[in-house]
Protein backbone atom coordinates (compact mmCIF):
# COMPACT_ATOMS: atom_id res chain seq x y z
CA MET A 1 -28.46 -21.49 -33.43
CA VAL A 2 -25.70 -23.56 -34.95
CA TYR A 3 -22.46 -21.93 -35.98
CA CYS A 4 -20.59 -23.22 -38.99
CA TRP A 5 -17.23 -24.72 -38.04
CA LYS A 6 -15.66 -23.44 -41.27
CA CYS A 7 -16.91 -19.85 -41.70
CA GLY A 8 -18.60 -19.08 -38.34
CA THR A 9 -21.98 -18.15 -39.83
CA LYS A 10 -25.10 -18.54 -37.65
CA ASN A 11 -27.54 -21.09 -38.99
CA ASP A 12 -30.93 -22.36 -37.79
CA ASP A 13 -30.87 -25.28 -35.35
CA ASP A 14 -32.46 -27.63 -37.88
CA ALA A 15 -30.13 -26.65 -40.76
CA GLU A 16 -27.93 -29.43 -42.07
CA PHE A 17 -25.72 -27.29 -44.30
CA CYS A 18 -24.31 -23.79 -43.82
CA LYS A 19 -26.27 -21.11 -45.63
CA LYS A 20 -23.07 -19.20 -46.48
CA CYS A 21 -20.41 -21.76 -47.41
CA GLY A 22 -22.39 -25.01 -47.77
CA SER A 23 -20.38 -26.96 -45.16
CA ASN A 24 -22.07 -29.93 -43.51
CA LEU A 25 -23.31 -28.65 -40.11
CA ASN A 26 -23.61 -32.20 -38.77
CA ASP A 27 -19.83 -32.33 -39.01
CA THR A 28 -19.80 -29.18 -36.88
CA ARG A 29 -22.03 -30.82 -34.29
CA ARG A 30 -19.91 -33.98 -34.23
CA ALA A 31 -16.70 -31.94 -34.05
CA PHE A 32 -18.16 -29.88 -31.19
CA GLU A 33 -19.31 -32.99 -29.32
CA LYS A 34 -15.87 -34.59 -29.80
CA GLU A 35 -14.14 -31.41 -28.64
CA LEU A 36 -16.44 -31.21 -25.62
CA GLU A 37 -15.79 -34.86 -24.79
CA ASP A 38 -12.01 -34.38 -25.09
CA PHE A 39 -12.20 -31.22 -23.00
CA THR A 40 -14.21 -33.02 -20.31
CA LYS A 41 -11.65 -35.84 -20.22
CA ASP A 42 -8.82 -33.28 -19.95
CA ILE A 43 -10.59 -31.63 -17.03
CA GLY A 44 -11.02 -35.02 -15.37
CA ARG A 45 -7.35 -35.86 -15.81
CA GLY A 46 -6.39 -32.43 -14.49
CA ALA A 47 -8.64 -32.86 -11.47
CA GLU A 48 -7.12 -36.27 -10.75
CA LYS A 49 -3.63 -34.78 -10.99
CA VAL A 50 -4.57 -31.93 -8.64
CA GLY A 51 -6.11 -34.46 -6.25
CA ARG A 52 -2.96 -36.59 -6.20
CA LYS A 53 -0.80 -33.49 -5.63
CA ALA A 54 -3.09 -32.32 -2.82
CA GLU A 55 -2.89 -35.74 -1.18
CA GLU A 56 0.92 -35.69 -1.47
CA LEU A 57 1.07 -32.19 0.01
CA GLY A 58 -1.25 -33.24 2.81
CA LYS A 59 1.02 -36.17 3.68
CA ASN A 60 4.09 -33.93 3.60
CA LEU A 61 2.34 -31.39 5.79
CA ALA A 62 1.42 -34.09 8.30
CA ILE A 63 5.05 -35.25 8.42
CA LYS A 64 6.31 -31.68 8.90
CA ALA A 65 3.71 -31.01 11.59
CA LYS A 66 4.76 -34.16 13.45
CA GLN A 67 8.44 -33.16 13.21
CA PHE A 68 7.60 -29.65 14.42
CA ALA A 69 5.57 -31.00 17.34
CA LYS A 70 8.44 -33.30 18.36
CA ALA A 71 10.89 -30.40 18.20
CA MET A 72 8.59 -28.20 20.30
CA ILE A 73 8.12 -30.94 22.89
CA LYS A 74 11.88 -31.42 23.09
CA GLU A 75 12.44 -27.69 23.44
CA ALA A 76 9.73 -27.39 26.10
CA ASN A 77 11.23 -30.29 28.05
CA GLU A 78 14.70 -28.73 27.88
CA PHE A 79 13.32 -25.38 29.02
CA GLY A 80 11.44 -27.06 31.87
CA LYS A 81 14.60 -28.85 32.97
CA SER A 82 16.60 -25.61 32.92
CA VAL A 83 13.93 -23.81 34.98
CA GLU A 84 13.80 -26.72 37.42
CA LYS A 85 17.60 -26.76 37.72
CA ASN A 86 17.70 -23.01 38.21
CA LEU A 87 15.07 -23.23 40.95
CA ARG A 88 16.98 -26.01 42.73
CA THR A 89 20.41 -24.42 42.48
CA ASN A 90 19.56 -20.74 42.79
CA PRO A 91 16.05 -20.26 44.14
CA LYS A 92 14.82 -16.76 44.84
CA HIS A 93 12.20 -16.13 47.47
CA CYS A 94 9.62 -13.44 48.05
CA LYS A 95 10.76 -11.05 50.76
CA LYS A 96 7.20 -10.68 52.05
CA CYS A 97 5.87 -14.27 52.16
CA GLY A 98 8.94 -16.44 51.45
CA ALA A 99 7.43 -18.24 48.44
CA LYS A 100 9.80 -19.47 45.73
CA LEU A 101 9.87 -17.14 42.73
CA LEU A 102 10.09 -18.37 39.15
CA PRO A 103 12.95 -16.89 37.12
CA GLY A 104 11.90 -13.63 35.50
CA SER A 105 8.98 -13.08 37.87
CA LYS A 106 8.10 -9.44 38.46
CA PHE A 107 5.50 -10.23 41.11
CA CYS A 108 5.12 -13.01 43.67
CA SER A 109 2.54 -15.56 42.55
CA LYS A 110 1.42 -16.17 46.19
CA CYS A 111 1.09 -12.70 47.72
CA GLY A 112 1.38 -10.35 44.69
CA LYS A 113 4.26 -8.28 46.08
CA LYS A 114 6.48 -6.67 43.44
CA VAL A 115 9.84 -8.43 43.19
CA ASP A 116 12.88 -6.20 43.67
């Protein structure tokens, strides 16, 4: 079925003119094909734009992830240094086996005795 671009009437596929208003149905076909072509191009341009934006976001995400990783490494190193310093300057030992205890330990990691 071919619909008339002017009045919307259904016409047979092989009709060249609308049975209701007399409009040239070949114009309808050409107009539809042009509209479809324009629409397809618009979709293509939109997809390209989305692709560029996704690529940009991906790059920004990679930069942020790298910055975050650097910050976490720095923080972990600082924490490690503070734990190491605390162990050197104020070590606690297990009363049962004498092993050094990490700060915040509730149990000895060597013998399992509860820390007082």
